[in-house]
Amino acid sequence: HLVTPPRRVRFPTRLTLAVTLVVAGTLAGIGGVIVSVAAAHAAP
């Protein structure tokens, strides 16, 4: 289970006020999708 991975990923057990504001603020002001046309050789 990835709750306790060996490297790079962890699942914190405490939610900080800053984290709450990320969802409450950032998602509240979401706009539309911006789709750009890149050169054919560019990676997505």
PDB file of all heavy atoms in Angstrom:
ATOM      1  N   HIS A   1       0.855  -1.193   0.000  1.00  0.00           N
ATOM      2  CA  HIS A   1       0.000   0.000   0.000  1.00  0.00           C
ATOM      3  C   HIS A   1       0.884   1.233   0.000  1.00  0.00           C
ATOM      4  O   HIS A   1       1.883   1.291   0.698  1.00  0.00           O
ATOM      5  CB  HIS A   1      -0.891  -0.031   1.239  1.00  0.00           C
ATOM      6  CG  HIS A   1      -2.040   0.901   1.152  1.00  0.00           C
ATOM      7  ND1 HIS A   1      -1.894   2.256   1.291  1.00  0.00           N
ATOM      8  CD2 HIS A   1      -3.352   0.666   0.940  1.00  0.00           C
ATOM      9  CE1 HIS A   1      -3.068   2.833   1.180  1.00  0.00           C
ATOM     10  NE2 HIS A   1      -3.967   1.885   0.966  1.00  0.00           N
ATOM     11  N   LEU A   2       0.515   2.253  -0.777  1.00  0.00           N
ATOM     12  CA  LEU A   2       1.365   3.412  -0.926  1.00  0.00           C
ATOM     13  C   LEU A   2       1.286   4.394   0.233  1.00  0.00           C
ATOM     14  O   LEU A   2       1.825   5.481   0.162  1.00  0.00           O
ATOM     15  CB  LEU A   2       1.018   4.148  -2.231  1.00  0.00           C
ATOM     16  CG  LEU A   2       1.430   3.412  -3.503  1.00  0.00           C
ATOM     17  CD1 LEU A   2       1.203   4.298  -4.698  1.00  0.00           C
ATOM     18  CD2 LEU A   2       2.880   2.998  -3.463  1.00  0.00           C
ATOM     19  N   VAL A   3       0.606   4.017   1.296  1.00  0.00           N
ATOM     20  CA  VAL A   3       0.571   4.901   2.453  1.00  0.00           C
ATOM     21  C   VAL A   3       1.964   5.039   3.068  1.00  0.00           C
ATOM     22  O   VAL A   3       2.333   6.075   3.583  1.00  0.00           O
ATOM     23  CB  VAL A   3      -0.423   4.388   3.501  1.00  0.00           C
ATOM     24  CG1 VAL A   3      -0.248   5.123   4.817  1.00  0.00           C
ATOM     25  CG2 VAL A   3      -1.852   4.591   3.003  1.00  0.00           C
ATOM     26  N   THR A   4       2.761   3.998   2.983  1.00  0.00           N
ATOM     27  CA  THR A   4       4.110   4.066   3.521  1.00  0.00           C
ATOM     28  C   THR A   4       5.096   3.586   2.460  1.00  0.00           C
ATOM     29  O   THR A   4       5.679   2.509   2.584  1.00  0.00           O
ATOM     30  CB  THR A   4       4.245   3.208   4.789  1.00  0.00           C
ATOM     31  OG1 THR A   4       3.804   1.867   4.491  1.00  0.00           O
ATOM     32  CG2 THR A   4       3.410   3.775   5.913  1.00  0.00           C
ATOM     33  N   PRO A   5       5.291   4.345   1.385  1.00  0.00           N
ATOM     34  CA  PRO A   5       6.188   3.928   0.311  1.00  0.00           C
ATOM     35  C   PRO A   5       7.640   4.066   0.726  1.00  0.00           C
ATOM     36  O   PRO A   5       7.968   4.807   1.659  1.00  0.00           O
ATOM     37  CB  PRO A   5       5.848   4.907  -0.820  1.00  0.00           C
ATOM     38  CG  PRO A   5       5.397   6.124  -0.101  1.00  0.00           C
ATOM     39  CD  PRO A   5       4.681   5.633   1.108  1.00  0.00           C
ATOM     40  N   PRO A   6       8.517   3.362   0.016  1.00  0.00           N
ATOM     41  CA  PRO A   6       9.915   3.393   0.400  1.00  0.00           C
ATOM     42  C   PRO A   6      10.624   4.687   0.047  1.00  0.00           C
ATOM     43  O   PRO A   6      11.672   4.979   0.574  1.00  0.00           O
ATOM     44  CB  PRO A   6      10.513   2.209  -0.377  1.00  0.00           C
ATOM     45  CG  PRO A   6       9.611   2.057  -1.566  1.00  0.00           C
ATOM     46  CD  PRO A   6       8.249   2.434  -1.071  1.00  0.00           C
ATOM     47  N   ARG A   7      10.081   5.468  -0.872  1.00  0.00           N
ATOM     48  CA  ARG A   7      10.782   6.671  -1.290  1.00  0.00           C
ATOM     49  C   ARG A   7       9.809   7.641  -1.923  1.00  0.00           C
ATOM     50  O   ARG A   7       8.814   7.265  -2.507  1.00  0.00           O
ATOM     51  CB  ARG A   7      11.871   6.303  -2.317  1.00  0.00           C
ATOM     52  CG  ARG A   7      12.835   7.451  -2.613  1.00  0.00           C
ATOM     53  CD  ARG A   7      13.897   7.023  -3.601  1.00  0.00           C
ATOM     54  NE  ARG A   7      13.368   6.884  -4.941  1.00  0.00           N
ATOM     55  CZ  ARG A   7      14.111   6.558  -5.996  1.00  0.00           C
ATOM     56  NH1 ARG A   7      15.377   6.286  -5.849  1.00  0.00           N
ATOM     57  NH2 ARG A   7      13.573   6.463  -7.198  1.00  0.00           N
ATOM     58  N   ARG A   8      10.008   8.884  -1.787  1.00  0.00           N
ATOM     59  CA  ARG A   8       9.387   9.989  -2.503  1.00  0.00           C
ATOM     60  C   ARG A   8       7.924  10.231  -2.205  1.00  0.00           C
ATOM     61  O   ARG A   8       7.445  11.313  -2.405  1.00  0.00           O
ATOM     62  CB  ARG A   8       9.551   9.829  -4.026  1.00  0.00           C
ATOM     63  CG  ARG A   8      10.982   9.845  -4.479  1.00  0.00           C
ATOM     64  CD  ARG A   8      11.083   9.986  -5.963  1.00  0.00           C
ATOM     65  NE  ARG A   8      10.577  11.283  -6.397  1.00  0.00           N
ATOM     66  CZ  ARG A   8      10.651  11.703  -7.641  1.00  0.00           C
ATOM     67  NH1 ARG A   8      11.165  10.932  -8.559  1.00  0.00           N
ATOM     68  NH2 ARG A   8      10.181  12.898  -7.975  1.00  0.00           N
ATOM     69  N   VAL A   9       7.166   9.234  -1.737  1.00  0.00           N
ATOM     70  CA  VAL A   9       5.759   9.476  -1.456  1.00  0.00           C
ATOM     71  C   VAL A   9       5.480   9.226   0.013  1.00  0.00           C
ATOM     72  O   VAL A   9       5.934   8.259   0.579  1.00  0.00           O
ATOM     73  CB  VAL A   9       4.858   8.536  -2.285  1.00  0.00           C
ATOM     74  CG1 VAL A   9       3.396   8.790  -1.933  1.00  0.00           C
ATOM     75  CG2 VAL A   9       5.076   8.788  -3.762  1.00  0.00           C
ATOM     76  N   ARG A  10       4.752  10.118   0.638  1.00  0.00           N
ATOM     77  CA  ARG A  10       4.309   9.898   2.006  1.00  0.00           C
ATOM     78  C   ARG A  10       2.892  10.426   2.115  1.00  0.00           C
ATOM     79  O   ARG A  10       2.451  11.240   1.325  1.00  0.00           O
ATOM     80  CB  ARG A  10       5.224  10.597   3.002  1.00  0.00           C
ATOM     81  CG  ARG A  10       5.353  12.090   2.748  1.00  0.00           C
ATOM     82  CD  ARG A  10       6.385  12.731   3.665  1.00  0.00           C
ATOM     83  NE  ARG A  10       6.626  14.105   3.290  1.00  0.00           N
ATOM     84  CZ  ARG A  10       5.870  15.129   3.654  1.00  0.00           C
ATOM     85  NH1 ARG A  10       4.810  14.910   4.404  1.00  0.00           N
ATOM     86  NH2 ARG A  10       6.141  16.355   3.276  1.00  0.00           N
ATOM     87  N   PHE A  11       2.171   9.953   3.114  1.00  0.00           N
ATOM     88  CA  PHE A  11       0.807  10.380   3.347  1.00  0.00           C
ATOM     89  C   PHE A  11       0.752  11.048   4.717  1.00  0.00           C
ATOM     90  O   PHE A  11       0.634  10.378   5.727  1.00  0.00           O
ATOM     91  CB  PHE A  11      -0.163   9.200   3.304  1.00  0.00           C
ATOM     92  CG  PHE A  11      -0.274   8.601   1.936  1.00  0.00           C
ATOM     93  CD1 PHE A  11       0.645   7.658   1.509  1.00  0.00           C
ATOM     94  CD2 PHE A  11      -1.279   8.987   1.078  1.00  0.00           C
ATOM     95  CE1 PHE A  11       0.550   7.101   0.253  1.00  0.00           C
ATOM     96  CE2 PHE A  11      -1.377   8.434  -0.171  1.00  0.00           C
ATOM     97  CZ  PHE A  11      -0.460   7.484  -0.580  1.00  0.00           C
ATOM     98  N   PRO A  12       0.897  12.380   4.793  1.00  0.00           N
ATOM     99  CA  PRO A  12       0.890  13.051   6.100  1.00  0.00           C
ATOM    100  C   PRO A  12      -0.408  12.783   6.832  1.00  0.00           C
ATOM    101  O   PRO A  12      -1.452  12.617   6.232  1.00  0.00           O
ATOM    102  CB  PRO A  12       1.021  14.540   5.719  1.00  0.00           C
ATOM    103  CG  PRO A  12       1.571  14.557   4.324  1.00  0.00           C
ATOM    104  CD  PRO A  12       1.060  13.305   3.689  1.00  0.00           C
ATOM    105  N   THR A  13      -0.332  12.781   8.132  1.00  0.00           N
ATOM    106  CA  THR A  13      -1.518  12.516   8.932  1.00  0.00           C
ATOM    107  C   THR A  13      -2.150  13.780   9.451  1.00  0.00           C
ATOM    108  O   THR A  13      -3.217  13.747  10.042  1.00  0.00           O
ATOM    109  CB  THR A  13      -1.156  11.621  10.126  1.00  0.00           C
ATOM    110  OG1 THR A  13      -0.164  12.269  10.906  1.00  0.00           O
ATOM    111  CG2 THR A  13      -0.643  10.276   9.650  1.00  0.00           C
ATOM    112  N   ARG A  14      -1.516  14.971   9.270  1.00  0.00           N
ATOM    113  CA  ARG A  14      -2.045  16.224   9.809  1.00  0.00           C
ATOM    114  C   ARG A  14      -2.275  17.203   8.665  1.00  0.00           C
ATOM    115  O   ARG A  14      -1.411  17.448   7.849  1.00  0.00           O
ATOM    116  CB  ARG A  14      -1.076  16.807  10.827  1.00  0.00           C
ATOM    117  CG  ARG A  14      -1.652  18.047  11.531  1.00  0.00           C
ATOM    118  CD  ARG A  14      -0.633  18.555  12.534  1.00  0.00           C
ATOM    119  NE  ARG A  14      -0.280  17.536  13.504  1.00  0.00           N
ATOM    120  CZ  ARG A  14      -0.957  17.320  14.614  1.00  0.00           C
ATOM    121  NH1 ARG A  14      -2.037  18.043  14.880  1.00  0.00           N
ATOM    122  NH2 ARG A  14      -0.587  16.381  15.460  1.00  0.00           N
ATOM    123  N   LEU A  15      -3.448  17.772   8.606  1.00  0.00           N
ATOM    124  CA  LEU A  15      -3.776  18.766   7.583  1.00  0.00           C
ATOM    125  C   LEU A  15      -3.538  20.149   8.160  1.00  0.00           C
ATOM    126  O   LEU A  15      -4.092  20.505   9.184  1.00  0.00           O
ATOM    127  CB  LEU A  15      -5.254  18.628   7.168  1.00  0.00           C
ATOM    128  CG  LEU A  15      -5.739  19.637   6.119  1.00  0.00           C
ATOM    129  CD1 LEU A  15      -5.007  19.414   4.807  1.00  0.00           C
ATOM    130  CD2 LEU A  15      -7.236  19.517   5.928  1.00  0.00           C
ATOM    131  N   THR A  16      -2.701  20.943   7.521  1.00  0.00           N
ATOM    132  CA  THR A  16      -2.411  22.286   8.008  1.00  0.00           C
ATOM    133  C   THR A  16      -3.399  23.278   7.449  1.00  0.00           C
ATOM    134  O   THR A  16      -4.089  23.039   6.460  1.00  0.00           O
ATOM    135  CB  THR A  16      -0.988  22.709   7.593  1.00  0.00           C
ATOM    136  OG1 THR A  16      -0.958  22.797   6.171  1.00  0.00           O
ATOM    137  CG2 THR A  16       0.047  21.700   8.056  1.00  0.00           C
ATOM    138  N   LEU A  17      -3.411  24.477   8.080  1.00  0.00           N
ATOM    139  CA  LEU A  17      -4.309  25.523   7.608  1.00  0.00           C
ATOM    140  C   LEU A  17      -3.962  25.920   6.183  1.00  0.00           C
ATOM    141  O   LEU A  17      -4.843  26.177   5.361  1.00  0.00           O
ATOM    142  CB  LEU A  17      -4.211  26.750   8.530  1.00  0.00           C
ATOM    143  CG  LEU A  17      -5.031  27.982   8.117  1.00  0.00           C
ATOM    144  CD1 LEU A  17      -6.512  27.619   8.083  1.00  0.00           C
ATOM    145  CD2 LEU A  17      -4.773  29.131   9.076  1.00  0.00           C
ATOM    146  N   ALA A  18      -2.669  25.933   5.888  1.00  0.00           N
ATOM    147  CA  ALA A  18      -2.273  26.317   4.532  1.00  0.00           C
ATOM    148  C   ALA A  18      -2.814  25.356   3.508  1.00  0.00           C
ATOM    149  O   ALA A  18      -3.233  25.751   2.418  1.00  0.00           O
ATOM    150  CB  ALA A  18      -0.738  26.366   4.441  1.00  0.00           C
ATOM    151  N   VAL A  19      -2.816  24.048   3.822  1.00  0.00           N
ATOM    152  CA  VAL A  19      -3.349  23.057   2.895  1.00  0.00           C
ATOM    153  C   VAL A  19      -4.828  23.302   2.663  1.00  0.00           C
ATOM    154  O   VAL A  19      -5.330  23.236   1.541  1.00  0.00           O
ATOM    155  CB  VAL A  19      -3.112  21.638   3.442  1.00  0.00           C
ATOM    156  CG1 VAL A  19      -3.954  20.630   2.686  1.00  0.00           C
ATOM    157  CG2 VAL A  19      -1.647  21.275   3.298  1.00  0.00           C
ATOM    158  N   THR A  20      -5.557  23.590   3.738  1.00  0.00           N
ATOM    159  CA  THR A  20      -6.985  23.841   3.599  1.00  0.00           C
ATOM    160  C   THR A  20      -7.229  25.024   2.680  1.00  0.00           C
ATOM    161  O   THR A  20      -8.121  25.008   1.825  1.00  0.00           O
ATOM    162  CB  THR A  20      -7.614  24.110   4.976  1.00  0.00           C
ATOM    163  OG1 THR A  20      -7.422  22.973   5.790  1.00  0.00           O
ATOM    164  CG2 THR A  20      -9.106  24.387   4.847  1.00  0.00           C
ATOM    165  N   LEU A  21      -6.393  26.065   2.824  1.00  0.00           N
ATOM    166  CA  LEU A  21      -6.581  27.244   1.997  1.00  0.00           C
ATOM    167  C   LEU A  21      -6.283  26.969   0.535  1.00  0.00           C
ATOM    168  O   LEU A  21      -6.856  27.602  -0.350  1.00  0.00           O
ATOM    169  CB  LEU A  21      -5.679  28.376   2.515  1.00  0.00           C
ATOM    170  CG  LEU A  21      -6.073  28.947   3.895  1.00  0.00           C
ATOM    171  CD1 LEU A  21      -5.050  29.971   4.345  1.00  0.00           C
ATOM    172  CD2 LEU A  21      -7.469  29.569   3.821  1.00  0.00           C
ATOM    173  N   VAL A  22      -5.387  26.017   0.287  1.00  0.00           N
ATOM    174  CA  VAL A  22      -5.095  25.669  -1.110  1.00  0.00           C
ATOM    175  C   VAL A  22      -6.358  25.209  -1.813  1.00  0.00           C
ATOM    176  O   VAL A  22      -6.684  25.634  -2.907  1.00  0.00           O
ATOM    177  CB  VAL A  22      -4.010  24.571  -1.184  1.00  0.00           C
ATOM    178  CG1 VAL A  22      -3.945  23.995  -2.586  1.00  0.00           C
ATOM    179  CG2 VAL A  22      -2.657  25.157  -0.810  1.00  0.00           C
ATOM    180  N   VAL A  23      -7.087  24.278  -1.149  1.00  0.00           N
ATOM    181  CA  VAL A  23      -8.297  23.758  -1.777  1.00  0.00           C
ATOM    182  C   VAL A  23      -9.402  24.792  -1.774  1.00  0.00           C
ATOM    183  O   VAL A  23     -10.062  25.034  -2.773  1.00  0.00           O
ATOM    184  CB  VAL A  23      -8.769  22.480  -1.060  1.00  0.00           C
ATOM    185  CG1 VAL A  23     -10.079  21.992  -1.637  1.00  0.00           C
ATOM    186  CG2 VAL A  23      -7.711  21.403  -1.213  1.00  0.00           C
ATOM    187  N   ALA A  24      -9.616  25.441  -0.624  1.00  0.00           N
ATOM    188  CA  ALA A  24     -10.725  26.368  -0.505  1.00  0.00           C
ATOM    189  C   ALA A  24     -10.537  27.575  -1.408  1.00  0.00           C
ATOM    190  O   ALA A  24     -11.502  28.112  -1.945  1.00  0.00           O
ATOM    191  CB  ALA A  24     -10.872  26.825   0.947  1.00  0.00           C
ATOM    192  N   GLY A  25      -9.259  28.016  -1.573  1.00  0.00           N
ATOM    193  CA  GLY A  25      -9.019  29.211  -2.371  1.00  0.00           C
ATOM    194  C   GLY A  25      -8.695  28.913  -3.807  1.00  0.00           C
ATOM    195  O   GLY A  25      -9.302  29.457  -4.723  1.00  0.00           O
ATOM    196  N   THR A  26      -7.737  27.991  -4.021  1.00  0.00           N
ATOM    197  CA  THR A  26      -7.291  27.732  -5.381  1.00  0.00           C
ATOM    198  C   THR A  26      -8.402  27.170  -6.242  1.00  0.00           C
ATOM    199  O   THR A  26      -8.639  27.635  -7.349  1.00  0.00           O
ATOM    200  CB  THR A  26      -6.105  26.746  -5.375  1.00  0.00           C
ATOM    201  OG1 THR A  26      -5.070  27.282  -4.563  1.00  0.00           O
ATOM    202  CG2 THR A  26      -5.595  26.515  -6.780  1.00  0.00           C
ATOM    203  N   LEU A  27      -9.100  26.148  -5.745  1.00  0.00           N
ATOM    204  CA  LEU A  27     -10.148  25.538  -6.547  1.00  0.00           C
ATOM    205  C   LEU A  27     -11.334  26.474  -6.733  1.00  0.00           C
ATOM    206  O   LEU A  27     -12.070  26.367  -7.706  1.00  0.00           O
ATOM    207  CB  LEU A  27     -10.613  24.230  -5.904  1.00  0.00           C
ATOM    208  CG  LEU A  27      -9.573  23.117  -5.900  1.00  0.00           C
ATOM    209  CD1 LEU A  27     -10.181  21.845  -5.307  1.00  0.00           C
ATOM    210  CD2 LEU A  27      -9.049  22.835  -7.287  1.00  0.00           C
ATOM    211  N   ALA A  28     -11.535  27.396  -5.795  1.00  0.00           N
ATOM    212  CA  ALA A  28     -12.679  28.294  -5.920  1.00  0.00           C
ATOM    213  C   ALA A  28     -12.515  29.232  -7.106  1.00  0.00           C
ATOM    214  O   ALA A  28     -13.505  29.692  -7.682  1.00  0.00           O
ATOM    215  CB  ALA A  28     -12.843  29.109  -4.637  1.00  0.00           C
ATOM    216  N   GLY A  29     -11.274  29.538  -7.474  1.00  0.00           N
ATOM    217  CA  GLY A  29     -11.076  30.493  -8.559  1.00  0.00           C
ATOM    218  C   GLY A  29     -10.672  29.851  -9.853  1.00  0.00           C
ATOM    219  O   GLY A  29     -10.013  30.468 -10.689  1.00  0.00           O
ATOM    220  N   ILE A  30     -11.052  28.610 -10.050  1.00  0.00           N
ATOM    221  CA  ILE A  30     -10.626  27.864 -11.226  1.00  0.00           C
ATOM    222  C   ILE A  30     -11.264  28.420 -12.484  1.00  0.00           C
ATOM    223  O   ILE A  30     -12.450  28.727 -12.511  1.00  0.00           O
ATOM    224  CB  ILE A  30     -10.956  26.378 -11.054  1.00  0.00           C
ATOM    225  CG1 ILE A  30      -9.903  25.756 -10.161  1.00  0.00           C
ATOM    226  CG2 ILE A  30     -10.980  25.643 -12.375  1.00  0.00           C
ATOM    227  CD1 ILE A  30     -10.210  24.345  -9.749  1.00  0.00           C
ATOM    228  N   GLY A  31     -10.486  28.519 -13.527  1.00  0.00           N
ATOM    229  CA  GLY A  31     -11.020  28.967 -14.803  1.00  0.00           C
ATOM    230  C   GLY A  31     -11.099  27.847 -15.791  1.00  0.00           C
ATOM    231  O   GLY A  31     -11.120  26.692 -15.434  1.00  0.00           O
ATOM    232  N   GLY A  32     -11.117  28.161 -17.053  1.00  0.00           N
ATOM    233  CA  GLY A  32     -11.258  27.151 -18.090  1.00  0.00           C
ATOM    234  C   GLY A  32      -9.931  26.548 -18.466  1.00  0.00           C
ATOM    235  O   GLY A  32      -8.869  26.986 -18.044  1.00  0.00           O
ATOM    236  N   VAL A  33      -9.978  25.537 -19.261  1.00  0.00           N
ATOM    237  CA  VAL A  33      -8.777  24.854 -19.735  1.00  0.00           C
ATOM    238  C   VAL A  33      -8.118  25.681 -20.821  1.00  0.00           C
ATOM    239  O   VAL A  33      -8.795  26.214 -21.700  1.00  0.00           O
ATOM    240  CB  VAL A  33      -9.141  23.469 -20.308  1.00  0.00           C
ATOM    241  CG1 VAL A  33      -7.901  22.785 -20.841  1.00  0.00           C
ATOM    242  CG2 VAL A  33      -9.790  22.643 -19.238  1.00  0.00           C
ATOM    243  N   ILE A  34      -6.807  25.816 -20.736  1.00  0.00           N
ATOM    244  CA  ILE A  34      -6.056  26.507 -21.770  1.00  0.00           C
ATOM    245  C   ILE A  34      -5.364  25.455 -22.606  1.00  0.00           C
ATOM    246  O   ILE A  34      -4.544  24.697 -22.106  1.00  0.00           O
ATOM    247  CB  ILE A  34      -5.016  27.463 -21.151  1.00  0.00           C
ATOM    248  CG1 ILE A  34      -5.722  28.467 -20.235  1.00  0.00           C
ATOM    249  CG2 ILE A  34      -4.232  28.186 -22.236  1.00  0.00           C
ATOM    250  CD1 ILE A  34      -4.760  29.304 -19.429  1.00  0.00           C
ATOM    251  N   VAL A  35      -5.701  25.392 -23.842  1.00  0.00           N
ATOM    252  CA  VAL A  35      -5.122  24.398 -24.722  1.00  0.00           C
ATOM    253  C   VAL A  35      -4.269  25.102 -25.754  1.00  0.00           C
ATOM    254  O   VAL A  35      -4.754  25.973 -26.464  1.00  0.00           O
ATOM    255  CB  VAL A  35      -6.206  23.558 -25.427  1.00  0.00           C
ATOM    256  CG1 VAL A  35      -5.563  22.527 -26.330  1.00  0.00           C
ATOM    257  CG2 VAL A  35      -7.108  22.913 -24.401  1.00  0.00           C
ATOM    258  N   SER A  36      -2.984  24.768 -25.824  1.00  0.00           N
ATOM    259  CA  SER A  36      -2.070  25.388 -26.767  1.00  0.00           C
ATOM    260  C   SER A  36      -1.669  24.386 -27.828  1.00  0.00           C
ATOM    261  O   SER A  36      -1.609  23.193 -27.579  1.00  0.00           O
ATOM    262  CB  SER A  36      -0.819  25.883 -26.044  1.00  0.00           C
ATOM    263  OG  SER A  36      -1.164  26.807 -25.041  1.00  0.00           O
ATOM    264  N   VAL A  37      -1.398  24.875 -28.992  1.00  0.00           N
ATOM    265  CA  VAL A  37      -0.936  24.023 -30.081  1.00  0.00           C
ATOM    266  C   VAL A  37       0.572  24.116 -30.131  1.00  0.00           C
ATOM    267  O   VAL A  37       1.124  25.180 -30.410  1.00  0.00           O
ATOM    268  CB  VAL A  37      -1.555  24.447 -31.417  1.00  0.00           C
ATOM    269  CG1 VAL A  37      -1.039  23.566 -32.539  1.00  0.00           C
ATOM    270  CG2 VAL A  37      -3.075  24.405 -31.331  1.00  0.00           C
ATOM    271  N   ALA A  38       1.250  23.029 -29.847  1.00  0.00           N
ATOM    272  CA  ALA A  38       2.709  23.010 -29.838  1.00  0.00           C
ATOM    273  C   ALA A  38       3.225  22.437 -31.142  1.00  0.00           C
ATOM    274  O   ALA A  38       2.478  21.869 -31.929  1.00  0.00           O
ATOM    275  CB  ALA A  38       3.203  22.180 -28.666  1.00  0.00           C
ATOM    276  N   ALA A  39       4.497  22.596 -31.331  1.00  0.00           N
ATOM    277  CA  ALA A  39       5.113  21.998 -32.512  1.00  0.00           C
ATOM    278  C   ALA A  39       4.957  20.501 -32.460  1.00  0.00           C
ATOM    279  O   ALA A  39       4.878  19.899 -31.397  1.00  0.00           O
ATOM    280  CB  ALA A  39       6.607  22.368 -32.546  1.00  0.00           C
ATOM    281  N   ALA A  40       4.937  19.876 -33.632  1.00  0.00           N
ATOM    282  CA  ALA A  40       4.638  18.452 -33.729  1.00  0.00           C
ATOM    283  C   ALA A  40       5.644  17.613 -32.960  1.00  0.00           C
ATOM    284  O   ALA A  40       5.328  16.545 -32.448  1.00  0.00           O
ATOM    285  CB  ALA A  40       4.601  18.022 -35.184  1.00  0.00           C
ATOM    286  N   HIS A  41       6.892  18.127 -32.834  1.00  0.00           N
ATOM    287  CA  HIS A  41       7.913  17.315 -32.181  1.00  0.00           C
ATOM    288  C   HIS A  41       7.927  17.506 -30.669  1.00  0.00           C
ATOM    289  O   HIS A  41       8.648  16.793 -29.965  1.00  0.00           O
ATOM    290  CB  HIS A  41       9.294  17.691 -32.738  1.00  0.00           C
ATOM    291  CG  HIS A  41       9.674  19.119 -32.455  1.00  0.00           C
ATOM    292  ND1 HIS A  41       9.257  20.167 -33.244  1.00  0.00           N
ATOM    293  CD2 HIS A  41      10.427  19.652 -31.449  1.00  0.00           C
ATOM    294  CE1 HIS A  41       9.735  21.301 -32.751  1.00  0.00           C
ATOM    295  NE2 HIS A  41      10.439  21.028 -31.670  1.00  0.00           N
ATOM    296  N   ALA A  42       7.161  18.469 -30.147  1.00  0.00           N
ATOM    297  CA  ALA A  42       7.205  18.747 -28.714  1.00  0.00           C
ATOM    298  C   ALA A  42       6.457  17.682 -27.931  1.00  0.00           C
ATOM    299  O   ALA A  42       5.405  17.207 -28.353  1.00  0.00           O
ATOM    300  CB  ALA A  42       6.606  20.119 -28.432  1.00  0.00           C
ATOM    301  N   ALA A  43       7.003  17.327 -26.745  1.00  0.00           N
ATOM    302  CA  ALA A  43       6.328  16.364 -25.887  1.00  0.00           C
ATOM    303  C   ALA A  43       5.127  17.027 -25.229  1.00  0.00           C
ATOM    304  O   ALA A  43       5.156  18.222 -24.916  1.00  0.00           O
ATOM    305  CB  ALA A  43       7.290  15.848 -24.823  1.00  0.00           C
ATOM    306  N   PRO A  44       4.048  16.291 -25.032  1.00  0.00           N
ATOM    307  CA  PRO A  44       2.872  16.874 -24.370  1.00  0.00           C
ATOM    308  C   PRO A  44       3.208  17.334 -22.958  1.00  0.00           C
ATOM    309  O   PRO A  44       4.084  16.784 -22.299  1.00  0.00           O
ATOM    310  CB  PRO A  44       1.872  15.715 -24.353  1.00  0.00           C
ATOM    311  CG  PRO A  44       2.366  14.748 -25.379  1.00  0.00           C
ATOM    312  CD  PRO A  44       3.840  14.888 -25.386  1.00  0.00           C
TER     313      PRO A  44
END
